[in-house]
Amino acid sequence: PVDGTRAYVGSVDAFARRVPLRAAAMLLRALRDSDARSAARLEHLVASWSDAFAVRFRARWVPVEHQVEHQARAVVAAALHARERAR
């Protein structure tokens, strides 16, 4: 089911921006030593997209223990859901 919450739309937006940004950054790494002109243009694009992402999503520090707790809860919830579906 499609969930139209702001969190859902935000996560889709972040994913849609992250994938091409990662691809461009990987291509930049591959081109950096072999094609300086293309690498310079790509570096500008990656910087521009990174800045736009940072403005849109305003990253903030989350303590490691909170990240681990969230990940552990997500794993437990997924396991419980899978167990319920298997019944």
C-alpha atoms as a PDB file:
ATOM      1  CA  PRO A   1       0.000   0.000   0.000  1.00  0.00           C
ATOM      2  CA  VAL A   2       1.160   3.505  -0.748  1.00  0.00           C
ATOM      3  CA  ASP A   3       1.789   5.556   2.356  1.00  0.00           C
ATOM      4  CA  GLY A   4       1.587   9.280   1.645  1.00  0.00           C
ATOM      5  CA  THR A   5       3.099  10.454   4.912  1.00  0.00           C
ATOM      6  CA  ARG A   6       5.753  13.149   4.900  1.00  0.00           C
ATOM      7  CA  ALA A   7       8.290  10.637   6.205  1.00  0.00           C
ATOM      8  CA  TYR A   8       7.564   8.245   3.346  1.00  0.00           C
ATOM      9  CA  VAL A   9       7.723  10.965   0.707  1.00  0.00           C
ATOM     10  CA  GLY A  10      10.917  12.288   2.277  1.00  0.00           C
ATOM     11  CA  SER A  11      12.562   8.871   2.218  1.00  0.00           C
ATOM     12  CA  VAL A  12      11.618   8.379  -1.438  1.00  0.00           C
ATOM     13  CA  ASP A  13      12.961  11.850  -2.221  1.00  0.00           C
ATOM     14  CA  ALA A  14      16.243  11.108  -0.435  1.00  0.00           C
ATOM     15  CA  PHE A  15      16.611   7.762  -2.214  1.00  0.00           C
ATOM     16  CA  ALA A  16      15.879   9.328  -5.603  1.00  0.00           C
ATOM     17  CA  ARG A  17      18.611  11.905  -5.012  1.00  0.00           C
ATOM     18  CA  ARG A  18      21.146   9.530  -3.453  1.00  0.00           C
ATOM     19  CA  VAL A  19      21.249   6.931  -6.235  1.00  0.00           C
ATOM     20  CA  PRO A  20      22.362   9.230  -9.078  1.00  0.00           C
ATOM     21  CA  LEU A  21      24.683  11.091  -6.695  1.00  0.00           C
ATOM     22  CA  ARG A  22      26.415   7.827  -5.752  1.00  0.00           C
ATOM     23  CA  ALA A  23      26.653   6.766  -9.396  1.00  0.00           C
ATOM     24  CA  ALA A  24      28.173  10.116 -10.363  1.00  0.00           C
ATOM     25  CA  ALA A  25      30.659   9.942  -7.480  1.00  0.00           C
ATOM     26  CA  MET A  26      31.723   6.408  -8.482  1.00  0.00           C
ATOM     27  CA  LEU A  27      32.153   7.521 -12.090  1.00  0.00           C
ATOM     28  CA  LEU A  28      34.199  10.478 -10.868  1.00  0.00           C
ATOM     29  CA  ARG A  29      36.553   8.129  -9.018  1.00  0.00           C
ATOM     30  CA  ALA A  30      37.013   6.078 -12.177  1.00  0.00           C
ATOM     31  CA  LEU A  31      37.609   9.108 -14.427  1.00  0.00           C
ATOM     32  CA  ARG A  32      39.735  11.226 -12.123  1.00  0.00           C
ATOM     33  CA  ASP A  33      43.076   9.810 -13.330  1.00  0.00           C
ATOM     34  CA  SER A  34      42.202   9.231 -16.978  1.00  0.00           C
ATOM     35  CA  ASP A  35      40.013  12.089 -18.200  1.00  0.00           C
ATOM     36  CA  ALA A  36      40.721  15.344 -16.407  1.00  0.00           C
ATOM     37  CA  ARG A  37      38.231  17.433 -18.397  1.00  0.00           C
ATOM     38  CA  SER A  38      35.282  15.089 -17.806  1.00  0.00           C
ATOM     39  CA  ALA A  39      36.341  14.603 -14.201  1.00  0.00           C
ATOM     40  CA  ALA A  40      36.293  18.363 -13.598  1.00  0.00           C
ATOM     41  CA  ARG A  41      32.768  18.673 -15.000  1.00  0.00           C
ATOM     42  CA  LEU A  42      31.626  15.651 -13.026  1.00  0.00           C
ATOM     43  CA  GLU A  43      33.241  16.978  -9.850  1.00  0.00           C
ATOM     44  CA  HIS A  44      31.222  20.179 -10.235  1.00  0.00           C
ATOM     45  CA  LEU A  45      28.030  18.132 -10.717  1.00  0.00           C
ATOM     46  CA  VAL A  46      28.726  15.938  -7.669  1.00  0.00           C
ATOM     47  CA  ALA A  47      29.464  19.016  -5.541  1.00  0.00           C
ATOM     48  CA  SER A  48      26.286  20.720  -6.730  1.00  0.00           C
ATOM     49  CA  TRP A  49      24.128  17.655  -6.065  1.00  0.00           C
ATOM     50  CA  SER A  50      25.760  17.135  -2.664  1.00  0.00           C
ATOM     51  CA  ASP A  51      25.067  20.735  -1.686  1.00  0.00           C
ATOM     52  CA  ALA A  52      21.438  20.451  -2.832  1.00  0.00           C
ATOM     53  CA  PHE A  53      21.047  17.229  -0.824  1.00  0.00           C
ATOM     54  CA  ALA A  54      22.538  18.857   2.289  1.00  0.00           C
ATOM     55  CA  VAL A  55      20.212  21.855   1.976  1.00  0.00           C
ATOM     56  CA  ARG A  56      17.139  19.665   1.436  1.00  0.00           C
ATOM     57  CA  PHE A  57      17.765  17.165   4.239  1.00  0.00           C
ATOM     58  CA  ARG A  58      19.847  19.106   6.795  1.00  0.00           C
ATOM     59  CA  ALA A  59      21.860  16.204   8.184  1.00  0.00           C
ATOM     60  CA  ARG A  60      22.281  16.096  11.928  1.00  0.00           C
ATOM     61  CA  TRP A  61      24.462  14.082  14.254  1.00  0.00           C
ATOM     62  CA  VAL A  62      22.836  11.022  15.801  1.00  0.00           C
ATOM     63  CA  PRO A  63      24.832   9.346  18.590  1.00  0.00           C
ATOM     64  CA  VAL A  64      26.107   5.899  17.647  1.00  0.00           C
ATOM     65  CA  GLU A  65      24.237   4.210  20.493  1.00  0.00           C
ATOM     66  CA  HIS A  66      20.944   5.628  19.157  1.00  0.00           C
ATOM     67  CA  GLN A  67      21.774   4.409  15.650  1.00  0.00           C
ATOM     68  CA  VAL A  68      22.555   0.922  16.951  1.00  0.00           C
ATOM     69  CA  GLU A  69      19.376   0.847  19.037  1.00  0.00           C
ATOM     70  CA  HIS A  70      17.280   1.871  16.027  1.00  0.00           C
ATOM     71  CA  GLN A  71      18.929  -0.751  13.798  1.00  0.00           C
ATOM     72  CA  ALA A  72      18.464  -3.467  16.426  1.00  0.00           C
ATOM     73  CA  ARG A  73      14.772  -2.599  16.827  1.00  0.00           C
ATOM     74  CA  ALA A  74      14.324  -2.674  13.047  1.00  0.00           C
ATOM     75  CA  VAL A  75      15.910  -6.136  12.844  1.00  0.00           C
ATOM     76  CA  VAL A  76      13.748  -7.468  15.682  1.00  0.00           C
ATOM     77  CA  ALA A  77      10.596  -5.989  14.110  1.00  0.00           C
ATOM     78  CA  ALA A  78      11.469  -7.537  10.738  1.00  0.00           C
ATOM     79  CA  ALA A  79      12.079 -10.928  12.351  1.00  0.00           C
ATOM     80  CA  LEU A  80       8.785 -10.799  14.258  1.00  0.00           C
ATOM     81  CA  HIS A  81       6.938  -9.772  11.105  1.00  0.00           C
ATOM     82  CA  ALA A  82       8.533 -12.610   9.124  1.00  0.00           C
ATOM     83  CA  ARG A  83       7.642 -15.100  11.859  1.00  0.00           C
ATOM     84  CA  GLU A  84       4.008 -13.934  11.892  1.00  0.00           C
ATOM     85  CA  ARG A  85       3.755 -14.210   8.105  1.00  0.00           C
ATOM     86  CA  ALA A  86       5.191 -17.735   8.225  1.00  0.00           C
ATOM     87  CA  ARG A  87       2.390 -18.962  10.482  1.00  0.00           C
END
